[in-house]
Amino acid sequence: MINITIPEPAVTITKRDNLEESNTYGFSDFHSIPRDKGGIFMFYNKNQELLFVGKARKLRPRIKKHFEDTVSPIKNHRDEVTKIEVCVVEDPVHREIYETYIINELKSKYNIDKAFYR
């Protein structure tokens, strides 16, 4: 049997209620997400339920796209996202494995294409 350990997040940002600060989509620390590194990201709601897991070659632009894109799986649920965790994983094969594992192990709510548990 293969033993997979979910990587520790390199960056965790939370949504702020204070809109006076400079922020992106309500996240004032959005700039701390690596721009040119690959990895996986996880969106959580206020109850710490996993909403969505994704992977990217360039993390910050891909995460931003989920908040702007009209075809994103979370387009109707963007307001639910209160926390984003980012794990830097440079190897594309490892990103694929971690993404699929996390979706199925933690039962991500809005990932439907890789969910084997439904």
Protein backbone atom coordinates (compact mmCIF):
# COMPACT_ATOMS: atom_id res chain seq x y z
CA MET A 1 0.00 0.00 0.00
CA ILE A 2 1.13 3.53 -0.75
CA ASN A 3 1.30 5.94 2.18
CA ILE A 4 0.63 9.58 1.22
CA THR A 5 1.08 12.45 3.65
CA ILE A 6 -0.58 15.75 2.82
CA PRO A 7 2.10 18.47 2.69
CA GLU A 8 2.07 21.26 5.26
CA PRO A 9 0.80 24.58 3.88
CA ALA A 10 3.53 27.07 3.05
CA VAL A 11 1.02 29.93 3.17
CA THR A 12 -2.36 30.28 4.87
CA ILE A 13 -4.43 33.42 4.37
CA THR A 14 -7.82 34.28 5.82
CA LYS A 15 -10.53 36.64 4.67
CA ARG A 16 -10.74 39.93 6.51
CA ASP A 17 -13.93 41.75 7.40
CA ASN A 18 -12.11 45.07 7.46
CA LEU A 19 -12.38 46.41 3.92
CA GLU A 20 -10.35 49.56 4.65
CA GLU A 21 -7.11 47.66 4.09
CA SER A 22 -5.80 47.07 0.61
CA ASN A 23 -7.02 43.59 -0.26
CA THR A 24 -7.73 41.20 -3.10
CA TYR A 25 -11.11 39.44 -2.89
CA GLY A 26 -11.21 40.22 0.84
CA PHE A 27 -7.80 38.62 1.51
CA SER A 28 -5.34 41.29 2.64
CA ASP A 29 -2.38 38.84 2.53
CA PHE A 30 -3.02 37.65 -1.03
CA HIS A 31 0.44 38.95 -2.03
CA SER A 32 2.06 36.29 0.21
CA ILE A 33 0.97 33.51 -2.19
CA PRO A 34 3.96 32.66 -4.42
CA ARG A 35 3.55 34.01 -7.94
CA ASP A 36 5.97 31.79 -9.87
CA LYS A 37 5.90 28.55 -7.90
CA GLY A 38 3.78 25.49 -8.53
CA GLY A 39 1.67 23.71 -5.99
CA ILE A 40 -1.76 22.90 -4.69
CA PHE A 41 -4.31 25.16 -3.03
CA MET A 42 -7.30 24.49 -0.81
CA PHE A 43 -10.31 26.73 -0.22
CA TYR A 44 -12.12 26.43 3.14
CA ASN A 45 -15.32 27.96 4.51
CA LYS A 46 -15.91 29.51 7.94
CA ASN A 47 -16.65 26.04 9.40
CA GLN A 48 -13.26 24.75 8.22
CA GLU A 49 -14.95 22.51 5.63
CA LEU A 50 -12.88 21.90 2.51
CA LEU A 51 -14.66 23.48 -0.45
CA PHE A 52 -12.25 23.05 -3.34
CA VAL A 53 -8.77 21.75 -4.12
CA GLY A 54 -6.77 22.76 -7.17
CA LYS A 55 -3.28 22.62 -8.59
CA ALA A 56 -1.25 25.11 -10.58
CA ARG A 57 2.09 25.71 -12.23
CA LYS A 58 1.87 29.34 -11.04
CA LEU A 59 -0.14 29.58 -7.85
CA ARG A 60 -1.19 33.22 -7.43
CA PRO A 61 -2.52 33.77 -10.98
CA ARG A 62 -4.44 30.49 -10.86
CA ILE A 63 -6.06 31.25 -7.51
CA LYS A 64 -7.00 34.74 -8.73
CA LYS A 65 -8.62 33.16 -11.78
CA HIS A 66 -10.99 31.18 -9.55
CA PHE A 67 -12.30 34.47 -8.15
CA GLU A 68 -12.70 36.07 -11.60
CA ASP A 69 -13.52 33.27 -14.03
CA THR A 70 -17.07 32.54 -15.13
CA VAL A 71 -16.39 28.82 -15.57
CA SER A 72 -14.72 28.14 -12.22
CA PRO A 73 -16.34 25.29 -10.25
CA ILE A 74 -16.66 27.66 -7.29
CA LYS A 75 -18.10 30.61 -9.24
CA ASN A 76 -21.39 30.48 -7.32
CA HIS A 77 -19.66 29.82 -3.99
CA ARG A 78 -16.86 32.43 -3.91
CA ASP A 79 -18.41 34.19 -0.93
CA GLU A 80 -18.10 30.99 1.11
CA VAL A 81 -14.29 30.99 0.88
CA THR A 82 -12.81 32.36 4.11
CA LYS A 83 -9.42 30.61 4.15
CA ILE A 84 -6.91 29.61 1.48
CA GLU A 85 -4.07 27.19 2.16
CA VAL A 86 -1.23 26.88 -0.33
CA CYS A 87 1.33 24.06 -0.49
CA VAL A 88 4.33 24.53 -2.77
CA VAL A 89 4.85 21.34 -4.79
CA GLU A 90 7.06 21.85 -7.83
CA ASP A 91 6.80 18.38 -9.40
CA PRO A 92 3.70 18.20 -11.67
CA VAL A 93 3.20 14.48 -11.01
CA HIS A 94 3.26 15.04 -7.25
CA ARG A 95 0.77 17.91 -7.63
CA GLU A 96 -1.63 15.59 -9.47
CA ILE A 97 -1.29 12.88 -6.84
CA TYR A 98 -1.75 15.26 -3.89
CA GLU A 99 -4.74 16.98 -5.51
CA THR A 100 -6.58 13.72 -6.17
CA TYR A 101 -5.68 12.32 -2.75
CA ILE A 102 -6.84 15.42 -0.85
CA ILE A 103 -10.11 15.64 -2.82
CA ASN A 104 -10.99 12.07 -1.91
CA GLU A 105 -9.50 11.84 1.57
CA LEU A 106 -10.89 15.13 2.88
CA LYS A 107 -14.05 14.97 0.72
CA SER A 108 -13.86 18.32 -1.02
CA LYS A 109 -17.34 19.76 -1.54
CA TYR A 110 -17.05 21.28 -5.05
CA ASN A 111 -14.51 19.02 -6.79
CA ILE A 112 -16.66 16.76 -8.93
CA ASP A 113 -14.26 15.68 -11.65
CA LYS A 114 -11.84 13.72 -9.41
CA ALA A 115 -14.16 12.59 -6.64
CA PHE A 116 -14.28 8.83 -6.28
CA TYR A 117 -16.19 8.82 -2.98
CA ARG A 118 -19.61 10.08 -4.14
